N, C-alpha and C. Protein backbone atom coordinates (compact mmCIF):
# COMPACT_ATOMS: atom_id res chain seq x y z
N UNK A 1 -45.38 -25.68 35.08
CA UNK A 1 -45.80 -25.03 33.85
C UNK A 1 -45.10 -25.68 32.67
N UNK A 2 -45.82 -25.91 31.61
CA UNK A 2 -45.23 -26.55 30.44
C UNK A 2 -44.65 -25.52 29.49
N UNK A 3 -43.78 -26.00 28.61
CA UNK A 3 -43.17 -25.09 27.64
C UNK A 3 -44.16 -24.81 26.51
N UNK A 4 -44.05 -23.61 25.97
CA UNK A 4 -44.92 -23.18 24.89
C UNK A 4 -44.11 -22.99 23.62
N UNK A 5 -44.71 -23.29 22.48
CA UNK A 5 -44.07 -23.04 21.20
C UNK A 5 -44.54 -21.67 20.73
N UNK A 6 -43.59 -20.72 20.59
CA UNK A 6 -43.93 -19.35 20.22
C UNK A 6 -43.03 -18.88 19.08
N UNK A 7 -43.38 -17.77 18.46
CA UNK A 7 -42.56 -17.13 17.43
C UNK A 7 -41.89 -15.92 18.08
N UNK A 8 -40.58 -15.77 17.87
CA UNK A 8 -39.83 -14.70 18.52
C UNK A 8 -40.17 -13.33 17.95
N UNK A 9 -40.22 -12.34 18.84
CA UNK A 9 -40.42 -10.94 18.46
C UNK A 9 -39.11 -10.17 18.55
N UNK A 10 -38.13 -10.75 19.24
CA UNK A 10 -36.85 -10.10 19.47
C UNK A 10 -35.73 -11.10 19.21
N UNK A 11 -34.53 -10.59 18.97
CA UNK A 11 -33.35 -11.44 18.86
C UNK A 11 -33.03 -11.97 20.25
N UNK A 12 -32.67 -13.23 20.33
CA UNK A 12 -32.35 -13.82 21.63
C UNK A 12 -31.29 -14.89 21.51
N UNK A 13 -31.05 -15.61 22.60
CA UNK A 13 -30.05 -16.66 22.65
C UNK A 13 -30.65 -17.93 23.22
N UNK A 14 -30.28 -19.04 22.63
CA UNK A 14 -30.78 -20.35 23.05
C UNK A 14 -30.15 -20.76 24.38
N UNK A 15 -30.97 -21.23 25.31
CA UNK A 15 -30.47 -21.67 26.62
C UNK A 15 -29.72 -22.99 26.54
N UNK A 16 -29.93 -23.77 25.50
CA UNK A 16 -29.26 -25.07 25.36
C UNK A 16 -27.90 -24.94 24.70
N UNK A 17 -27.86 -24.30 23.52
CA UNK A 17 -26.61 -24.28 22.75
C UNK A 17 -25.92 -22.93 22.75
N UNK A 18 -26.61 -21.88 23.20
CA UNK A 18 -26.01 -20.55 23.23
C UNK A 18 -26.06 -19.84 21.88
N UNK A 19 -26.66 -20.47 20.88
CA UNK A 19 -26.75 -19.88 19.55
C UNK A 19 -27.75 -18.74 19.50
N UNK A 20 -27.58 -17.89 18.49
CA UNK A 20 -28.48 -16.75 18.30
C UNK A 20 -29.81 -17.22 17.74
N UNK A 21 -30.88 -16.63 18.21
CA UNK A 21 -32.22 -16.90 17.70
C UNK A 21 -32.73 -15.61 17.07
N UNK A 22 -32.89 -15.59 15.73
CA UNK A 22 -33.35 -14.37 15.07
C UNK A 22 -34.85 -14.13 15.24
N UNK A 23 -35.29 -12.96 14.87
CA UNK A 23 -36.71 -12.59 14.91
C UNK A 23 -37.48 -13.48 13.94
N UNK A 24 -38.67 -13.93 14.36
CA UNK A 24 -39.55 -14.69 13.49
C UNK A 24 -39.35 -16.19 13.49
N UNK A 25 -38.48 -16.71 14.35
CA UNK A 25 -38.25 -18.16 14.43
C UNK A 25 -39.12 -18.79 15.51
N UNK A 26 -39.55 -20.03 15.28
CA UNK A 26 -40.29 -20.76 16.31
C UNK A 26 -39.32 -21.27 17.36
N UNK A 27 -39.68 -21.08 18.61
CA UNK A 27 -38.85 -21.53 19.73
C UNK A 27 -39.77 -22.10 20.81
N UNK A 28 -39.16 -22.83 21.74
CA UNK A 28 -39.87 -23.24 22.94
C UNK A 28 -39.53 -22.25 24.04
N UNK A 29 -40.55 -21.78 24.76
CA UNK A 29 -40.37 -20.84 25.84
C UNK A 29 -41.04 -21.37 27.10
N UNK A 30 -40.35 -21.20 28.22
CA UNK A 30 -40.90 -21.57 29.51
C UNK A 30 -40.57 -20.47 30.50
N UNK A 31 -41.57 -19.99 31.22
CA UNK A 31 -41.37 -18.90 32.18
C UNK A 31 -40.27 -19.27 33.17
N UNK A 32 -39.32 -18.37 33.33
CA UNK A 32 -38.23 -18.58 34.26
C UNK A 32 -37.11 -19.45 33.72
N UNK A 33 -37.31 -20.03 32.53
CA UNK A 33 -36.30 -20.93 31.96
C UNK A 33 -35.73 -20.40 30.66
N UNK A 34 -36.40 -19.47 30.00
CA UNK A 34 -35.90 -18.89 28.77
C UNK A 34 -36.37 -19.63 27.52
N UNK A 35 -35.68 -19.37 26.41
CA UNK A 35 -36.07 -19.95 25.12
C UNK A 35 -35.04 -20.95 24.62
N UNK A 36 -35.51 -21.88 23.78
CA UNK A 36 -34.66 -22.90 23.17
C UNK A 36 -35.09 -23.06 21.72
N UNK A 37 -34.12 -23.35 20.84
CA UNK A 37 -34.46 -23.67 19.46
C UNK A 37 -35.41 -24.86 19.44
N UNK A 38 -36.29 -24.93 18.46
CA UNK A 38 -37.10 -26.13 18.25
C UNK A 38 -36.15 -27.17 17.65
N UNK A 39 -36.00 -28.31 18.29
CA UNK A 39 -35.08 -29.36 17.81
C UNK A 39 -33.63 -29.09 18.13
N UNK A 40 -33.34 -28.27 19.13
CA UNK A 40 -31.96 -27.93 19.48
C UNK A 40 -31.23 -29.13 20.09
N UNK A 41 -29.97 -29.28 19.73
CA UNK A 41 -29.12 -30.32 20.32
C UNK A 41 -28.39 -29.68 21.49
N UNK A 42 -28.47 -30.34 22.63
CA UNK A 42 -27.82 -29.80 23.83
C UNK A 42 -26.30 -29.80 23.66
N UNK A 43 -25.64 -28.80 24.23
CA UNK A 43 -24.19 -28.72 24.16
C UNK A 43 -23.54 -29.93 24.82
N UNK A 44 -24.13 -30.45 25.88
CA UNK A 44 -23.56 -31.62 26.55
C UNK A 44 -23.57 -32.82 25.62
N UNK A 45 -24.61 -32.94 24.78
CA UNK A 45 -24.67 -34.04 23.82
C UNK A 45 -23.62 -33.87 22.74
N UNK A 46 -23.37 -32.62 22.31
CA UNK A 46 -22.35 -32.36 21.31
C UNK A 46 -20.98 -32.72 21.86
N UNK A 47 -20.70 -32.30 23.10
CA UNK A 47 -19.41 -32.61 23.72
C UNK A 47 -19.22 -34.11 23.87
N UNK A 48 -20.28 -34.82 24.26
CA UNK A 48 -20.20 -36.27 24.44
C UNK A 48 -19.87 -36.96 23.12
N UNK A 49 -20.53 -36.56 22.05
CA UNK A 49 -20.29 -37.19 20.76
C UNK A 49 -18.90 -36.91 20.23
N UNK A 50 -18.35 -35.73 20.48
CA UNK A 50 -17.04 -35.40 19.95
C UNK A 50 -15.91 -35.93 20.82
N UNK A 51 -16.19 -36.27 22.05
CA UNK A 51 -15.15 -36.71 22.98
C UNK A 51 -15.17 -38.21 23.27
N UNK A 52 -16.03 -38.98 22.65
CA UNK A 52 -16.17 -40.38 23.02
C UNK A 52 -15.00 -41.24 22.59
N UNK A 53 -14.43 -40.98 21.42
CA UNK A 53 -13.34 -41.84 20.95
C UNK A 53 -12.20 -41.03 20.34
N UNK A 54 -11.40 -40.40 21.20
CA UNK A 54 -10.28 -39.64 20.66
C UNK A 54 -9.24 -40.57 20.04
N UNK A 55 -8.74 -40.19 18.88
CA UNK A 55 -7.74 -41.02 18.22
C UNK A 55 -6.33 -40.58 18.55
N UNK A 56 -6.17 -39.31 18.95
CA UNK A 56 -4.85 -38.80 19.32
C UNK A 56 -4.96 -38.11 20.67
N UNK A 57 -3.85 -38.03 21.39
CA UNK A 57 -3.85 -37.42 22.70
C UNK A 57 -4.03 -35.91 22.58
N UNK A 58 -4.95 -35.36 23.38
CA UNK A 58 -5.21 -33.93 23.38
C UNK A 58 -4.78 -33.34 24.72
N UNK A 59 -4.31 -32.09 24.68
CA UNK A 59 -3.99 -31.42 25.93
C UNK A 59 -5.27 -30.86 26.55
N UNK A 60 -5.16 -30.15 27.66
CA UNK A 60 -6.35 -29.69 28.37
C UNK A 60 -7.15 -28.63 27.62
N UNK A 61 -6.58 -28.06 26.54
CA UNK A 61 -7.29 -27.07 25.73
C UNK A 61 -7.91 -27.69 24.50
N UNK A 62 -7.76 -29.00 24.30
CA UNK A 62 -8.35 -29.68 23.16
C UNK A 62 -7.46 -29.74 21.93
N UNK A 63 -6.21 -29.26 22.07
CA UNK A 63 -5.27 -29.32 20.95
C UNK A 63 -4.57 -30.67 20.92
N UNK A 64 -4.32 -31.16 19.73
CA UNK A 64 -3.62 -32.43 19.59
C UNK A 64 -2.14 -32.22 19.86
N UNK A 65 -1.61 -32.99 20.80
CA UNK A 65 -0.21 -32.84 21.20
C UNK A 65 0.71 -33.66 20.34
């Protein structure tokens, strides 16, 4: 089944980024998979971009040591 572009009737959460989706926004919906923002950036892509070239040593919590 392909994803459908729909307008939200309820407040929800994006399956990709975890962000809130307010009423009246266009989203992609797929049965059994949930909703996603239109043009949403995946959290894995955000983590990859921010972690590719650290300039200072970070501890396991992401704080600069």
